[in-house]
Amino acid sequence: MKNELLTVAEAALRIEAGDILSIAGPDHLLAQLPAGHWIGGTTVYLLTDAGGARVEDRVFCTTFPMADGATLRHLPVADLPAIAEGYLAGGATLILLPGFSQAHSAFALEGAGYPGLFDQPLMGWVTGVPVEEIGTATPAVYDGRGATRHTEGAMVMHLSLPEGAQATLDIVNIFEQGRNAATVTFAQTGFAATRARVDGVEVDFATWLRDAAIDTRLPLVANYAGAMVNVSIRTTDAEKGEVTFYAPVVAGVEYRLATPVADYATAFRACLADGGASQHSCNCILNYLYGDMAGKKTGQFTGPVTFGEIAYILLNQTLVKLDIAA
């Protein structure tokens, strides 16, 4: 794979040459690209060779030269459960979801139960807008076949790989469950909660977070057979008695608040092996903001800064990476 930060004109040349591309960048720039074998998603935040940056004059392009073909699909919300029907034997699939859309919510809540979802590597991300425009601007995905913009549904690219090629999907999570942190469980699955059980005692969750002076920049972390999976807190309102999340909490799963991380960029570099320049990766906007990652590098890993990361399921505050090797 090749990762490049390009002008619209440079990206258009790649598209017109027939390259298979995943493209991230500002909405107004994606809208200027010609039709071709590409999918796109909106974000102005990128991890570049020079470090994290807000970029509004170029787009980030990942080219898949090893792929010998690609099938593009735009899936309306009702068709999301059919995503695996498009999987190509021995291949890999990319998925982009518009942030805060019905597709985002449906995939987060139901995706793990879609038939065949885990049958091949499924990597992707949730698109976004500048943080000051959340609530006023709408995240989008682009279907390169007609350079068509969508604010609902999923944009999917099924990659066909030559015989012998292997796609490997992995995550890097710098957060661990706090050793002495309280155990938190919820009675219902969803993006919001009013009540929780904290160390077995039922509480008003928003009030408990406030009274315990919890740093809500830290995610709730669940241990899934050794894999640490984060759920990030979006808002807390003790007056309304509601806490909202960037990914759904799951009923009955035990969560603990994460151990604080002093330097996010350094923590990622410590977790990452050599490489990254030839891998497709994304990282979370919350890591970028909370970790003050502007100008800081995560090794050689570059790519979009996203409003949710997908490694089969929706993740938060996680680096996701896809490698394709011969």
Protein backbone atom coordinates (compact mmCIF):
# COMPACT_ATOMS: atom_id res chain seq x y z
CA MET A 1 0.00 0.00 0.00
CA LYS A 2 1.02 3.59 -0.57
CA ASN A 3 -0.07 6.47 1.68
CA GLU A 4 0.16 10.00 0.28
CA LEU A 5 -1.04 13.49 1.13
CA LEU A 6 -2.03 14.92 -2.26
CA THR A 7 -3.62 17.94 -3.88
CA VAL A 8 -6.92 17.43 -5.64
CA ALA A 9 -5.11 17.56 -8.99
CA GLU A 10 -2.60 14.92 -7.89
CA ALA A 11 -5.33 12.67 -6.50
CA ALA A 12 -7.32 13.07 -9.74
CA LEU A 13 -4.31 11.79 -11.70
CA ARG A 14 -4.20 8.65 -9.51
CA ILE A 15 -7.93 8.09 -10.06
CA GLU A 16 -7.73 8.65 -13.80
CA ALA A 17 -4.83 6.19 -13.99
CA GLY A 18 -7.18 3.51 -12.65
CA ASP A 19 -5.72 3.20 -9.15
CA ILE A 20 -7.83 1.65 -6.38
CA LEU A 21 -8.00 4.22 -3.59
CA SER A 22 -9.43 5.05 -0.18
CA ILE A 23 -9.47 8.82 0.25
CA ALA A 24 -9.98 11.00 3.33
CA GLY A 25 -10.26 14.75 3.38
CA PRO A 26 -12.42 17.88 3.56
CA ASP A 27 -15.87 17.59 2.03
CA HIS A 28 -15.34 20.35 -0.53
CA LEU A 29 -12.19 18.67 -1.87
CA LEU A 30 -13.71 15.18 -2.15
CA ALA A 31 -16.53 16.75 -4.15
CA GLN A 32 -14.02 17.85 -6.79
CA LEU A 33 -12.60 14.40 -7.54
CA PRO A 34 -13.45 12.52 -10.75
CA ALA A 35 -15.19 9.17 -10.98
CA GLY A 36 -13.12 6.03 -10.55
CA HIS A 37 -12.28 3.11 -8.28
CA TRP A 38 -12.29 5.00 -4.98
CA ILE A 39 -14.29 5.53 -1.82
CA GLY A 40 -14.01 8.61 0.34
CA GLY A 41 -14.88 9.97 3.76
CA THR A 42 -14.90 13.44 5.30
CA THR A 43 -12.39 14.58 7.91
CA VAL A 44 -10.03 17.54 8.18
CA TYR A 45 -7.82 15.81 10.76
CA LEU A 46 -4.95 13.63 9.60
CA LEU A 47 -1.86 11.92 10.91
CA THR A 48 0.80 12.84 8.35
CA ASP A 49 4.51 12.17 7.91
CA ALA A 50 5.10 15.41 9.83
CA GLY A 51 2.65 14.54 12.61
CA GLY A 52 -0.99 15.18 13.42
CA ALA A 53 -2.50 18.15 11.61
CA ARG A 54 -5.69 19.85 10.53
CA VAL A 55 -5.45 19.78 6.73
CA GLU A 56 -7.95 21.65 4.54
CA ASP A 57 -6.07 21.96 1.25
CA ARG A 58 -5.18 18.32 0.46
CA VAL A 59 -6.58 14.80 0.70
CA PHE A 60 -5.06 11.66 2.17
CA CYS A 61 -4.92 8.80 -0.34
CA THR A 62 -4.21 5.14 0.32
CA THR A 63 -3.54 3.18 -2.87
CA PHE A 64 -3.92 -0.61 -3.01
CA PRO A 65 -1.57 -1.66 -5.84
CA MET A 66 -1.63 -5.31 -4.73
CA ALA A 67 -5.40 -5.54 -5.26
CA ASP A 68 -6.31 -6.97 -8.64
CA GLY A 69 -9.81 -5.54 -8.50
CA ALA A 70 -12.41 -3.89 -6.30
CA THR A 71 -16.19 -3.94 -6.04
CA LEU A 72 -17.84 -0.80 -4.70
CA ARG A 73 -21.26 -0.77 -3.03
CA HIS A 74 -23.36 1.86 -1.33
CA LEU A 75 -25.47 0.08 1.29
CA PRO A 76 -28.61 1.78 2.61
CA VAL A 77 -29.23 1.21 6.31
CA ALA A 78 -31.66 -1.63 5.66
CA ASP A 79 -29.05 -3.47 3.57
CA LEU A 80 -26.19 -3.28 6.08
CA PRO A 81 -26.77 -6.88 7.26
CA ALA A 82 -25.90 -8.02 3.71
CA ILE A 83 -22.39 -6.60 3.79
CA ALA A 84 -20.70 -10.02 3.80
CA GLU A 85 -22.61 -11.05 0.67
CA GLY A 86 -20.13 -8.90 -1.25
CA TYR A 87 -16.98 -10.39 0.27
CA LEU A 88 -14.54 -11.61 -2.39
CA ALA A 89 -12.75 -14.88 -1.66
CA GLY A 90 -9.38 -14.30 -0.05
CA GLY A 91 -9.92 -10.54 -0.04
CA ALA A 92 -10.53 -7.73 2.42
CA THR A 93 -13.27 -5.14 2.82
CA LEU A 94 -13.24 -1.44 3.68
CA ILE A 95 -16.29 0.31 5.13
CA LEU A 96 -16.98 4.02 5.72
CA LEU A 97 -19.93 5.26 7.78
CA PRO A 98 -21.11 8.88 8.09
CA GLY A 99 -20.73 10.06 11.66
CA PHE A 100 -23.90 10.35 13.79
CA SER A 101 -26.00 8.79 11.00
CA GLN A 102 -28.57 6.01 11.24
CA ALA A 103 -26.03 3.72 9.56
CA HIS A 104 -23.46 4.56 12.24
CA SER A 105 -25.93 3.69 14.98
CA ALA A 106 -27.28 0.54 13.31
CA PHE A 107 -23.83 -0.88 12.58
CA ALA A 108 -22.64 -0.14 16.11
CA LEU A 109 -25.63 -1.79 17.74
CA GLU A 110 -26.22 -4.72 15.39
CA GLY A 111 -23.10 -5.21 13.26
CA ALA A 112 -21.56 -8.00 15.33
CA GLY A 113 -24.60 -10.11 14.50
CA TYR A 114 -24.53 -9.61 10.73
CA PRO A 115 -24.18 -12.97 8.91
CA GLY A 116 -20.60 -13.69 7.87
CA LEU A 117 -19.26 -10.35 9.12
CA PHE A 118 -16.11 -11.93 10.60
CA ASP A 119 -15.34 -14.13 7.58
CA GLN A 120 -12.65 -11.77 6.24
CA PRO A 121 -10.85 -8.63 7.47
CA LEU A 122 -13.30 -5.72 7.69
CA MET A 123 -11.59 -2.40 8.32
CA GLY A 124 -12.99 1.10 8.23
CA TRP A 125 -13.89 4.31 9.98
CA VAL A 126 -16.59 6.80 10.82
CA THR A 127 -16.42 10.10 8.95
CA GLY A 128 -16.62 13.49 10.61
CA VAL A 129 -16.51 17.28 10.35
CA PRO A 130 -14.44 19.98 12.07
CA VAL A 131 -15.23 19.70 15.77
CA GLU A 132 -16.62 23.24 15.93
CA GLU A 133 -19.14 22.25 13.21
CA ILE A 134 -20.52 19.16 14.95
CA GLY A 135 -24.28 19.56 14.96
CA THR A 136 -24.32 22.06 12.10
CA ALA A 137 -22.39 20.28 9.32
CA THR A 138 -23.09 16.72 8.19
CA PRO A 139 -20.39 14.06 7.78
CA ALA A 140 -20.42 12.29 4.42
CA VAL A 141 -19.09 9.34 2.44
CA TYR A 142 -18.33 9.30 -1.29
CA ASP A 143 -18.99 6.65 -3.92
CA GLY A 144 -16.18 7.05 -6.43
CA ARG A 145 -18.09 5.34 -9.21
CA GLY A 146 -19.97 8.54 -9.83
CA ALA A 147 -18.20 10.78 -7.32
CA THR A 148 -21.52 10.73 -5.45
CA ARG A 149 -21.91 12.15 -1.95
CA HIS A 150 -23.99 10.33 0.69
CA THR A 151 -24.84 11.37 4.24
CA GLU A 152 -26.60 8.09 5.03
CA GLY A 153 -25.82 4.41 4.51
CA ALA A 154 -22.38 2.80 4.27
CA MET A 155 -19.80 3.04 1.51
CA VAL A 156 -18.08 -0.32 1.03
CA MET A 157 -15.09 -1.42 -1.05
CA HIS A 158 -14.51 -5.16 -1.45
CA LEU A 159 -10.88 -5.75 -2.44
CA SER A 160 -9.91 -8.71 -4.60
CA LEU A 161 -6.39 -9.96 -3.80
CA PRO A 162 -4.16 -12.23 -5.89
CA GLU A 163 -3.56 -15.79 -4.82
CA GLY A 164 -1.02 -15.93 -2.01
CA ALA A 165 -1.71 -12.41 -0.73
CA GLN A 166 -2.88 -12.14 2.85
CA ALA A 167 -4.71 -9.32 4.59
CA THR A 168 -4.14 -8.91 8.33
CA LEU A 169 -6.24 -6.64 10.54
CA ASP A 170 -5.05 -5.48 13.96
CA ILE A 171 -5.77 -2.85 16.60
CA VAL A 172 -3.54 -0.85 18.94
CA ASN A 173 -5.16 0.33 22.16
CA ILE A 174 -2.99 2.35 24.53
CA PHE A 175 -5.59 2.08 27.30
CA GLU A 176 -5.86 -0.57 29.98
CA GLN A 177 -8.44 -1.11 32.67
CA GLY A 178 -7.57 0.79 35.82
CA ARG A 179 -6.28 -1.74 38.32
CA ASN A 180 -8.22 -0.20 41.21
CA ALA A 181 -11.04 1.26 39.15
CA ALA A 182 -14.62 0.43 39.96
CA THR A 183 -16.46 -2.20 37.94
CA VAL A 184 -19.31 -0.67 35.93
CA THR A 185 -22.14 -2.61 34.28
CA PHE A 186 -25.29 -1.56 32.44
CA ALA A 187 -28.70 -3.18 32.20
CA GLN A 188 -29.29 -2.11 28.59
CA THR A 189 -27.21 -1.88 25.42
CA GLY A 190 -27.11 1.57 23.85
CA PHE A 191 -25.45 4.91 23.18
CA ALA A 192 -26.84 6.42 26.40
CA ALA A 193 -27.40 5.39 30.00
CA THR A 194 -29.09 6.87 33.04
CA ARG A 195 -28.42 4.09 35.56
CA ALA A 196 -25.45 1.78 36.11
CA ARG A 197 -24.21 -0.67 38.69
CA VAL A 198 -20.88 0.46 40.16
CA ASP A 199 -19.19 -2.28 42.17
CA GLY A 200 -22.60 -3.92 42.38
CA VAL A 201 -24.47 -0.85 43.65
CA GLU A 202 -27.04 0.79 41.38
CA VAL A 203 -26.36 4.51 40.87
CA ASP A 204 -27.41 7.49 38.81
CA PHE A 205 -24.44 7.23 36.48
CA ALA A 206 -24.07 10.91 35.57
CA THR A 207 -24.22 11.93 39.22
CA TRP A 208 -21.70 9.25 40.16
CA LEU A 209 -19.26 10.46 37.48
CA ARG A 210 -19.59 14.02 38.78
CA ASP A 211 -19.36 13.24 42.47
CA ALA A 212 -16.40 10.89 41.98
CA ALA A 213 -14.62 13.60 39.92
CA ILE A 214 -14.05 11.12 37.08
CA ASP A 215 -11.94 12.31 34.14
CA THR A 216 -14.40 11.54 31.33
CA ARG A 217 -11.66 11.90 28.70
CA LEU A 218 -10.71 8.38 29.76
CA PRO A 219 -12.77 5.61 28.14
CA LEU A 220 -14.58 2.76 29.77
CA VAL A 221 -12.61 -0.39 28.93
CA ALA A 222 -13.95 -3.94 28.62
CA ASN A 223 -11.78 -7.04 28.49
CA TYR A 224 -12.98 -9.33 25.67
CA ALA A 225 -10.86 -12.47 26.13
CA GLY A 226 -7.71 -10.37 26.46
CA ALA A 227 -8.61 -7.74 23.85
CA MET A 228 -9.20 -4.34 25.42
CA VAL A 229 -12.17 -2.56 23.82
CA ASN A 230 -13.00 1.06 24.63
CA VAL A 231 -16.26 2.94 24.92
CA SER A 232 -15.69 6.70 25.08
CA ILE A 233 -17.91 9.07 27.03
CA ARG A 234 -19.44 11.78 24.87
CA THR A 235 -21.49 13.89 27.29
CA THR A 236 -22.57 13.85 30.93
CA ASP A 237 -25.56 15.75 32.26
CA ALA A 238 -26.20 15.25 35.97
CA GLU A 239 -29.28 17.50 35.85
CA LYS A 240 -30.91 15.36 33.15
CA GLY A 241 -29.37 12.23 34.63
CA GLU A 242 -27.95 11.04 31.32
CA VAL A 243 -24.56 9.96 29.98
CA THR A 244 -24.03 9.49 26.25
CA PHE A 245 -21.28 7.50 24.52
CA TYR A 246 -19.48 7.45 21.15
CA ALA A 247 -20.05 3.68 20.90
CA PRO A 248 -22.72 1.59 22.61
CA VAL A 249 -22.18 0.07 26.03
CA VAL A 250 -23.24 -3.57 26.07
CA ALA A 251 -25.61 -4.92 28.70
CA GLY A 252 -23.93 -7.18 31.24
CA VAL A 253 -20.36 -6.47 30.12
CA GLU A 254 -18.00 -5.39 32.90
CA TYR A 255 -16.25 -2.07 32.24
CA ARG A 256 -13.57 -0.25 34.18
CA LEU A 257 -12.32 3.28 33.61
CA ALA A 258 -8.95 3.36 31.89
CA THR A 259 -5.64 4.09 33.53
CA PRO A 260 -4.52 7.65 32.60
CA VAL A 261 -1.96 7.97 29.79
CA ALA A 262 0.60 10.77 30.14
CA ASP A 263 1.65 11.07 26.48
CA TYR A 264 -0.61 9.53 23.84
CA ALA A 265 1.81 9.78 20.90
CA THR A 266 4.67 8.23 22.88
CA ALA A 267 2.36 5.47 24.11
CA PHE A 268 1.35 4.61 20.54
CA ARG A 269 4.95 4.55 19.37
CA ALA A 270 5.81 2.19 22.23
CA CYS A 271 3.01 -0.18 21.18
CA LEU A 272 3.76 -0.12 17.46
CA ALA A 273 6.30 -2.34 15.78
CA ASP A 274 8.37 -1.10 12.86
CA GLY A 275 6.36 -0.46 9.73
CA GLY A 276 3.23 1.50 9.12
CA ALA A 277 4.31 3.27 5.96
CA SER A 278 2.85 0.42 3.89
CA GLN A 279 -0.28 -0.14 6.00
CA HIS A 280 -3.72 1.42 5.89
CA SER A 281 -4.51 2.87 9.31
CA CYS A 282 -6.74 5.31 11.16
CA ASN A 283 -6.81 6.77 14.66
CA CYS A 284 -9.46 8.38 16.81
CA ILE A 285 -10.28 12.09 17.01
CA LEU A 286 -10.45 11.78 20.80
CA ASN A 287 -6.86 10.55 20.95
CA TYR A 288 -5.90 13.46 18.69
CA LEU A 289 -7.67 16.04 20.88
CA TYR A 290 -7.15 14.64 24.37
CA GLY A 291 -3.57 13.61 23.64
CA ASP A 292 -2.70 16.94 22.00
CA MET A 293 -1.33 15.01 19.03
CA ALA A 294 -1.10 17.96 16.64
CA GLY A 295 2.47 17.92 15.33
CA LYS A 296 3.19 14.56 16.98
CA LYS A 297 3.89 11.31 15.14
CA THR A 298 2.76 7.74 15.83
CA GLY A 299 5.80 6.07 14.32
CA GLN A 300 5.35 5.72 10.56
CA PHE A 301 1.60 5.21 10.84
CA THR A 302 -0.30 7.87 8.90
CA GLY A 303 -3.94 8.16 7.93
CA PRO A 304 -7.26 9.77 8.75
CA VAL A 305 -8.21 10.89 12.23
CA THR A 306 -11.70 9.51 12.64
CA PHE A 307 -14.93 9.67 14.65
CA GLY A 308 -14.97 5.94 15.26
CA GLU A 309 -12.77 3.10 14.06
CA ILE A 310 -13.90 -0.24 12.66
CA ALA A 311 -12.11 -3.54 13.07
CA TYR A 312 -15.11 -5.77 12.43
CA ILE A 313 -16.99 -3.81 15.13
CA LEU A 314 -17.11 -0.13 16.06
CA LEU A 315 -14.26 0.98 18.35
CA ASN A 316 -13.26 4.20 20.13
CA GLN A 317 -9.89 5.75 20.95
CA THR A 318 -8.11 3.00 19.03
CA LEU A 319 -5.63 2.77 16.16
CA VAL A 320 -6.76 0.28 13.51
CA LYS A 321 -4.34 -1.02 10.89
CA LEU A 322 -4.69 -3.21 7.80
CA ASP A 323 -1.68 -4.90 6.22
CA ILE A 324 -1.65 -6.74 2.89
CA ALA A 325 1.38 -8.92 2.26
CA ALA A 326 2.34 -11.27 -0.58
